[in-house]
């Protein structure tokens, strides 16, 4: 079952990404996405191998951003594909049946395209402005999520992403999203993982 809280790795070096992933695992995260940008494939591969060792030790799911062939090679739990990355259908052919595929979306049309290509979850965002991405899509906010989810009527899990902090969680859950992906809030304070999980679980309990 897909975790409702995703940690998107951050760091200025691959070593820092790995240290942050280790801290997140120790702090109770259940799913980590290794998101390395502006480095060679060889560096991504070696970092992914080490990330797989760390996450396996803690029984944490590992998703590799962009690089589906590396996800296959290190036996990660899946891959997350950006809007300009490989088509999910191509990635699916290279991955094992148990490996999952996530895709990035910003609009209703993006979501429908990904659903038609049988992704396992959709990372929909951004919720608000974030420095994590250099080319940021239009900000959705709570209303954007509500509108898209209402029109989609899909069973495909929708994960909110983009500048999300603790104070946002309760409101986001009310929109009907499946879960949330967090980067900066966790990197600044890994103790936030416990609080985020509590808020997510409380939000779903209140929605029932």
C-alpha atoms as a PDB file:
ATOM      1  CA  UNK A   1       0.000   0.000   0.000  1.00  0.00           C
ATOM      2  CA  UNK A   2       1.340   3.447  -0.958  1.00  0.00           C
ATOM      3  CA  UNK A   3       2.431   5.564   1.999  1.00  0.00           C
ATOM      4  CA  UNK A   4       0.438   8.742   2.622  1.00  0.00           C
ATOM      5  CA  UNK A   5       3.605  10.715   3.471  1.00  0.00           C
ATOM      6  CA  UNK A   6       6.490  10.987   0.999  1.00  0.00           C
ATOM      7  CA  UNK A   7       9.866  12.570   1.749  1.00  0.00           C
ATOM      8  CA  UNK A   8      11.534  14.130  -1.297  1.00  0.00           C
ATOM      9  CA  UNK A   9      15.263  14.170  -0.639  1.00  0.00           C
ATOM     10  CA  UNK A  10      17.220  17.413  -0.514  1.00  0.00           C
ATOM     11  CA  UNK A  11      20.896  18.298  -0.269  1.00  0.00           C
ATOM     12  CA  UNK A  12      23.705  20.198  -1.946  1.00  0.00           C
ATOM     13  CA  UNK A  13      25.683  16.978  -2.521  1.00  0.00           C
ATOM     14  CA  UNK A  14      24.782  13.301  -3.020  1.00  0.00           C
ATOM     15  CA  UNK A  15      26.330  12.579   0.390  1.00  0.00           C
ATOM     16  CA  UNK A  16      24.010  15.112   1.991  1.00  0.00           C
ATOM     17  CA  UNK A  17      20.997  13.548   0.246  1.00  0.00           C
ATOM     18  CA  UNK A  18      21.982  10.175   1.697  1.00  0.00           C
ATOM     19  CA  UNK A  19      22.430  11.600   5.192  1.00  0.00           C
ATOM     20  CA  UNK A  20      19.005  13.229   5.013  1.00  0.00           C
ATOM     21  CA  UNK A  21      17.468   9.984   3.766  1.00  0.00           C
ATOM     22  CA  UNK A  22      19.071   8.110   6.662  1.00  0.00           C
ATOM     23  CA  UNK A  23      17.711  10.644   9.163  1.00  0.00           C
ATOM     24  CA  UNK A  24      14.242  10.442   7.622  1.00  0.00           C
ATOM     25  CA  UNK A  25      14.297   6.642   7.876  1.00  0.00           C
ATOM     26  CA  UNK A  26      15.390   6.742  11.503  1.00  0.00           C
ATOM     27  CA  UNK A  27      12.642   9.294  12.202  1.00  0.00           C
ATOM     28  CA  UNK A  28       9.869   7.041  10.920  1.00  0.00           C
ATOM     29  CA  UNK A  29       9.302   7.904   7.259  1.00  0.00           C
ATOM     30  CA  UNK A  30       7.790   5.082   5.192  1.00  0.00           C
ATOM     31  CA  UNK A  31       8.594   6.313   1.670  1.00  0.00           C
ATOM     32  CA  UNK A  32      11.544   8.287   0.320  1.00  0.00           C
ATOM     33  CA  UNK A  33      12.050   9.694  -3.161  1.00  0.00           C
ATOM     34  CA  UNK A  34      15.685  10.189  -4.170  1.00  0.00           C
ATOM     35  CA  UNK A  35      15.643  13.406  -6.206  1.00  0.00           C
ATOM     36  CA  UNK A  36      19.102  14.238  -7.525  1.00  0.00           C
ATOM     37  CA  UNK A  37      19.380  16.984 -10.133  1.00  0.00           C
ATOM     38  CA  UNK A  38      22.268  18.279 -12.249  1.00  0.00           C
ATOM     39  CA  UNK A  39      24.534  15.289 -11.689  1.00  0.00           C
ATOM     40  CA  UNK A  40      25.649  12.485 -14.014  1.00  0.00           C
ATOM     41  CA  UNK A  41      23.785   9.183 -14.359  1.00  0.00           C
ATOM     42  CA  UNK A  42      26.788   7.427 -12.816  1.00  0.00           C
ATOM     43  CA  UNK A  43      26.472   9.579  -9.702  1.00  0.00           C
ATOM     44  CA  UNK A  44      22.723   8.944  -9.545  1.00  0.00           C
ATOM     45  CA  UNK A  45      23.326   5.201  -9.857  1.00  0.00           C
ATOM     46  CA  UNK A  46      25.937   5.052  -7.096  1.00  0.00           C
ATOM     47  CA  UNK A  47      23.810   7.239  -4.815  1.00  0.00           C
ATOM     48  CA  UNK A  48      20.725   5.140  -5.559  1.00  0.00           C
ATOM     49  CA  UNK A  49      22.606   1.958  -4.600  1.00  0.00           C
ATOM     50  CA  UNK A  50      23.517   3.470  -1.239  1.00  0.00           C
ATOM     51  CA  UNK A  51      20.015   4.853  -0.749  1.00  0.00           C
ATOM     52  CA  UNK A  52      18.632   1.360  -1.412  1.00  0.00           C
ATOM     53  CA  UNK A  53      20.890  -0.049   1.316  1.00  0.00           C
ATOM     54  CA  UNK A  54      19.706   2.572   3.815  1.00  0.00           C
ATOM     55  CA  UNK A  55      15.997   2.226   3.016  1.00  0.00           C
ATOM     56  CA  UNK A  56      16.125  -1.580   2.958  1.00  0.00           C
ATOM     57  CA  UNK A  57      17.713  -1.609   6.412  1.00  0.00           C
ATOM     58  CA  UNK A  58      14.784   0.423   7.760  1.00  0.00           C
ATOM     59  CA  UNK A  59      12.096  -1.274   5.646  1.00  0.00           C
ATOM     60  CA  UNK A  60      11.330   2.008   3.856  1.00  0.00           C
ATOM     61  CA  UNK A  61      10.094   2.256   0.264  1.00  0.00           C
ATOM     62  CA  UNK A  62      12.493   3.946  -2.182  1.00  0.00           C
ATOM     63  CA  UNK A  63      11.370   5.833  -5.278  1.00  0.00           C
ATOM     64  CA  UNK A  64      13.921   7.146  -7.787  1.00  0.00           C
ATOM     65  CA  UNK A  65      13.146  10.466  -9.464  1.00  0.00           C
ATOM     66  CA  UNK A  66      13.371  10.477 -13.298  1.00  0.00           C
ATOM     67  CA  UNK A  67      15.768   7.563 -13.826  1.00  0.00           C
ATOM     68  CA  UNK A  68      13.602   4.492 -14.443  1.00  0.00           C
ATOM     69  CA  UNK A  69      16.516   2.342 -15.654  1.00  0.00           C
ATOM     70  CA  UNK A  70      18.376   3.038 -12.422  1.00  0.00           C
ATOM     71  CA  UNK A  71      15.225   2.245 -10.447  1.00  0.00           C
ATOM     72  CA  UNK A  72      15.155  -1.122 -12.208  1.00  0.00           C
ATOM     73  CA  UNK A  73      18.873  -1.722 -11.666  1.00  0.00           C
ATOM     74  CA  UNK A  74      18.914  -1.040  -7.920  1.00  0.00           C
ATOM     75  CA  UNK A  75      15.533  -2.727  -7.397  1.00  0.00           C
ATOM     76  CA  UNK A  76      13.955   0.416  -5.994  1.00  0.00           C
ATOM     77  CA  UNK A  77      10.261   0.279  -5.210  1.00  0.00           C
ATOM     78  CA  UNK A  78       9.495   2.522  -8.145  1.00  0.00           C
ATOM     79  CA  UNK A  79      10.182   5.650 -10.163  1.00  0.00           C
ATOM     80  CA  UNK A  80       8.677   9.127 -10.253  1.00  0.00           C
ATOM     81  CA  UNK A  81       8.512  10.749 -13.695  1.00  0.00           C
ATOM     82  CA  UNK A  82       8.308  14.497 -14.268  1.00  0.00           C
ATOM     83  CA  UNK A  83       6.201  16.050 -17.026  1.00  0.00           C
ATOM     84  CA  UNK A  84       9.177  16.193 -19.396  1.00  0.00           C
ATOM     85  CA  UNK A  85      10.589  12.783 -18.476  1.00  0.00           C
ATOM     86  CA  UNK A  86      10.103   9.366 -20.054  1.00  0.00           C
ATOM     87  CA  UNK A  87       6.579   8.206 -20.902  1.00  0.00           C
ATOM     88  CA  UNK A  88       5.202   5.969 -18.117  1.00  0.00           C
ATOM     89  CA  UNK A  89       4.421   3.262 -20.701  1.00  0.00           C
ATOM     90  CA  UNK A  90       8.087   3.060 -21.696  1.00  0.00           C
ATOM     91  CA  UNK A  91       9.183   2.961 -18.061  1.00  0.00           C
ATOM     92  CA  UNK A  92       6.610   0.251 -17.300  1.00  0.00           C
ATOM     93  CA  UNK A  93       8.148  -2.019 -19.935  1.00  0.00           C
ATOM     94  CA  UNK A  94      11.536  -1.739 -18.192  1.00  0.00           C
ATOM     95  CA  UNK A  95      10.304  -2.252 -14.629  1.00  0.00           C
ATOM     96  CA  UNK A  96       9.149  -5.311 -12.720  1.00  0.00           C
ATOM     97  CA  UNK A  97       5.419  -5.682 -12.135  1.00  0.00           C
ATOM     98  CA  UNK A  98       5.830  -4.886  -8.427  1.00  0.00           C
ATOM     99  CA  UNK A  99       7.636  -1.595  -9.055  1.00  0.00           C
ATOM    100  CA  UNK A 100       5.375   1.447  -9.035  1.00  0.00           C
ATOM    101  CA  UNK A 101       5.307   4.506 -11.282  1.00  0.00           C
ATOM    102  CA  UNK A 102       4.346   7.994 -10.187  1.00  0.00           C
ATOM    103  CA  UNK A 103       3.895  10.987 -12.443  1.00  0.00           C
ATOM    104  CA  UNK A 104       3.893  14.753 -12.000  1.00  0.00           C
ATOM    105  CA  UNK A 105       0.758  16.740 -12.868  1.00  0.00           C
ATOM    106  CA  UNK A 106      -0.377  20.350 -12.637  1.00  0.00           C
ATOM    107  CA  UNK A 107      -3.724  20.298 -14.473  1.00  0.00           C
ATOM    108  CA  UNK A 108      -6.806  18.131 -14.921  1.00  0.00           C
ATOM    109  CA  UNK A 109      -5.547  17.205 -18.394  1.00  0.00           C
ATOM    110  CA  UNK A 110      -2.155  16.158 -16.974  1.00  0.00           C
ATOM    111  CA  UNK A 111      -3.912  13.870 -14.502  1.00  0.00           C
ATOM    112  CA  UNK A 112      -6.126  12.296 -17.146  1.00  0.00           C
ATOM    113  CA  UNK A 113      -3.108  11.636 -19.373  1.00  0.00           C
ATOM    114  CA  UNK A 114      -1.257   9.914 -16.533  1.00  0.00           C
ATOM    115  CA  UNK A 115      -4.306   7.851 -15.564  1.00  0.00           C
ATOM    116  CA  UNK A 116      -4.646   6.707 -19.177  1.00  0.00           C
ATOM    117  CA  UNK A 117      -1.023   5.567 -18.992  1.00  0.00           C
ATOM    118  CA  UNK A 118      -1.753   3.538 -15.854  1.00  0.00           C
ATOM    119  CA  UNK A 119       0.468   5.301 -13.344  1.00  0.00           C
ATOM    120  CA  UNK A 120       0.207   4.068  -9.760  1.00  0.00           C
ATOM    121  CA  UNK A 121      -0.033   7.533  -8.230  1.00  0.00           C
ATOM    122  CA  UNK A 122       0.001  11.196  -9.276  1.00  0.00           C
ATOM    123  CA  UNK A 123       2.085  13.929  -7.664  1.00  0.00           C
ATOM    124  CA  UNK A 124      -0.189  16.956  -8.137  1.00  0.00           C
ATOM    125  CA  UNK A 125       1.127  20.434  -7.480  1.00  0.00           C
ATOM    126  CA  UNK A 126       2.505  22.794  -6.585  1.00  0.00           C
ATOM    127  CA  UNK A 127       0.368  23.631  -3.557  1.00  0.00           C
ATOM    128  CA  UNK A 128       2.277  26.879  -3.111  1.00  0.00           C
ATOM    129  CA  UNK A 129       5.534  28.500  -4.237  1.00  0.00           C
ATOM    130  CA  UNK A 130       8.602  26.330  -3.686  1.00  0.00           C
ATOM    131  CA  UNK A 131      12.290  26.871  -4.387  1.00  0.00           C
ATOM    132  CA  UNK A 132      12.761  23.137  -4.979  1.00  0.00           C
ATOM    133  CA  UNK A 133      11.822  23.483  -8.663  1.00  0.00           C
ATOM    134  CA  UNK A 134      13.413  25.969 -11.051  1.00  0.00           C
ATOM    135  CA  UNK A 135      10.546  25.833 -13.573  1.00  0.00           C
ATOM    136  CA  UNK A 136       7.477  26.024 -11.371  1.00  0.00           C
ATOM    137  CA  UNK A 137       4.033  25.247 -12.763  1.00  0.00           C
ATOM    138  CA  UNK A 138       1.047  27.462 -11.816  1.00  0.00           C
ATOM    139  CA  UNK A 139       0.257  27.260  -8.093  1.00  0.00           C
ATOM    140  CA  UNK A 140      -2.890  25.244  -7.286  1.00  0.00           C
ATOM    141  CA  UNK A 141      -3.710  26.041  -3.661  1.00  0.00           C
ATOM    142  CA  UNK A 142      -6.591  24.326  -1.865  1.00  0.00           C
ATOM    143  CA  UNK A 143      -9.175  25.350  -4.453  1.00  0.00           C
ATOM    144  CA  UNK A 144      -7.112  23.954  -7.305  1.00  0.00           C
ATOM    145  CA  UNK A 145      -6.943  20.529  -5.654  1.00  0.00           C
ATOM    146  CA  UNK A 146     -10.651  20.513  -4.849  1.00  0.00           C
ATOM    147  CA  UNK A 147     -11.597  21.392  -8.428  1.00  0.00           C
ATOM    148  CA  UNK A 148      -9.321  18.809 -10.055  1.00  0.00           C
ATOM    149  CA  UNK A 149     -10.162  15.968  -7.670  1.00  0.00           C
ATOM    150  CA  UNK A 150     -13.895  16.595  -7.965  1.00  0.00           C
ATOM    151  CA  UNK A 151     -13.705  16.467 -11.756  1.00  0.00           C
ATOM    152  CA  UNK A 152     -11.343  13.491 -11.905  1.00  0.00           C
ATOM    153  CA  UNK A 153     -13.357  11.032  -9.788  1.00  0.00           C
ATOM    154  CA  UNK A 154     -10.432   8.604  -9.926  1.00  0.00           C
ATOM    155  CA  UNK A 155      -9.176   5.796  -7.717  1.00  0.00           C
ATOM    156  CA  UNK A 156      -5.588   6.653  -8.637  1.00  0.00           C
ATOM    157  CA  UNK A 157      -3.945   8.113  -5.494  1.00  0.00           C
ATOM    158  CA  UNK A 158      -3.350  11.864  -5.709  1.00  0.00           C
ATOM    159  CA  UNK A 159      -0.387  13.112  -3.665  1.00  0.00           C
ATOM    160  CA  UNK A 160      -0.167  16.852  -2.990  1.00  0.00           C
ATOM    161  CA  UNK A 161       3.271  18.420  -3.371  1.00  0.00           C
ATOM    162  CA  UNK A 162       4.960  21.801  -3.438  1.00  0.00           C
ATOM    163  CA  UNK A 163       6.021  23.916  -0.476  1.00  0.00           C
ATOM    164  CA  UNK A 164       3.815  22.057   2.012  1.00  0.00           C
ATOM    165  CA  UNK A 165       4.444  22.725   5.713  1.00  0.00           C
ATOM    166  CA  UNK A 166       2.821  21.471   8.910  1.00  0.00           C
ATOM    167  CA  UNK A 167       0.131  24.154   9.082  1.00  0.00           C
ATOM    168  CA  UNK A 168      -1.130  23.209   5.590  1.00  0.00           C
ATOM    169  CA  UNK A 169      -1.814  19.524   6.175  1.00  0.00           C
ATOM    170  CA  UNK A 170      -5.289  19.615   7.721  1.00  0.00           C
ATOM    171  CA  UNK A 171      -6.623  21.868   4.948  1.00  0.00           C
ATOM    172  CA  UNK A 172      -5.015  19.825   2.176  1.00  0.00           C
ATOM    173  CA  UNK A 173      -6.459  16.548   3.453  1.00  0.00           C
ATOM    174  CA  UNK A 174      -9.956  18.060   3.262  1.00  0.00           C
ATOM    175  CA  UNK A 175      -9.565  18.406  -0.524  1.00  0.00           C
ATOM    176  CA  UNK A 176      -9.665  14.630  -0.952  1.00  0.00           C
ATOM    177  CA  UNK A 177      -6.004  14.018  -1.767  1.00  0.00           C
ATOM    178  CA  UNK A 178      -4.601  10.605  -0.886  1.00  0.00           C
ATOM    179  CA  UNK A 179      -1.446  11.929   0.745  1.00  0.00           C
ATOM    180  CA  UNK A 180       1.271  14.562   0.728  1.00  0.00           C
ATOM    181  CA  UNK A 181       4.907  14.861  -0.353  1.00  0.00           C
ATOM    182  CA  UNK A 182       7.171  17.045   1.760  1.00  0.00           C
ATOM    183  CA  UNK A 183      10.747  18.183   1.259  1.00  0.00           C
ATOM    184  CA  UNK A 184      11.900  21.357   3.031  1.00  0.00           C
ATOM    185  CA  UNK A 185       9.803  21.000   6.197  1.00  0.00           C
ATOM    186  CA  UNK A 186      11.278  17.557   6.886  1.00  0.00           C
ATOM    187  CA  UNK A 187      14.845  18.447   5.883  1.00  0.00           C
ATOM    188  CA  UNK A 188      14.782  21.342   8.378  1.00  0.00           C
ATOM    189  CA  UNK A 189      13.397  19.177  11.182  1.00  0.00           C
ATOM    190  CA  UNK A 190      13.151  15.404  10.881  1.00  0.00           C
ATOM    191  CA  UNK A 191      10.980  15.314  14.002  1.00  0.00           C
ATOM    192  CA  UNK A 192       8.294  16.836  11.781  1.00  0.00           C
ATOM    193  CA  UNK A 193       7.706  13.355  10.318  1.00  0.00           C
ATOM    194  CA  UNK A 194       5.879  12.228  13.476  1.00  0.00           C
ATOM    195  CA  UNK A 195       3.731  15.358  13.543  1.00  0.00           C
ATOM    196  CA  UNK A 196       2.982  15.152   9.801  1.00  0.00           C
ATOM    197  CA  UNK A 197       1.831  11.555  10.149  1.00  0.00           C
ATOM    198  CA  UNK A 198      -0.376  12.496  13.101  1.00  0.00           C
ATOM    199  CA  UNK A 199      -1.967  15.350  11.146  1.00  0.00           C
ATOM    200  CA  UNK A 200      -2.537  13.155   8.093  1.00  0.00           C
ATOM    201  CA  UNK A 201      -4.130  10.356  10.116  1.00  0.00           C
ATOM    202  CA  UNK A 202      -6.226  12.827  12.112  1.00  0.00           C
ATOM    203  CA  UNK A 203      -7.371  14.516   8.920  1.00  0.00           C
ATOM    204  CA  UNK A 204      -8.584  11.275   7.402  1.00  0.00           C
ATOM    205  CA  UNK A 205     -10.303  10.234  10.635  1.00  0.00           C
ATOM    206  CA  UNK A 206     -12.193  13.523  10.723  1.00  0.00           C
ATOM    207  CA  UNK A 207     -13.189  13.143   7.077  1.00  0.00           C
ATOM    208  CA  UNK A 208     -14.889   9.786   7.687  1.00  0.00           C
END
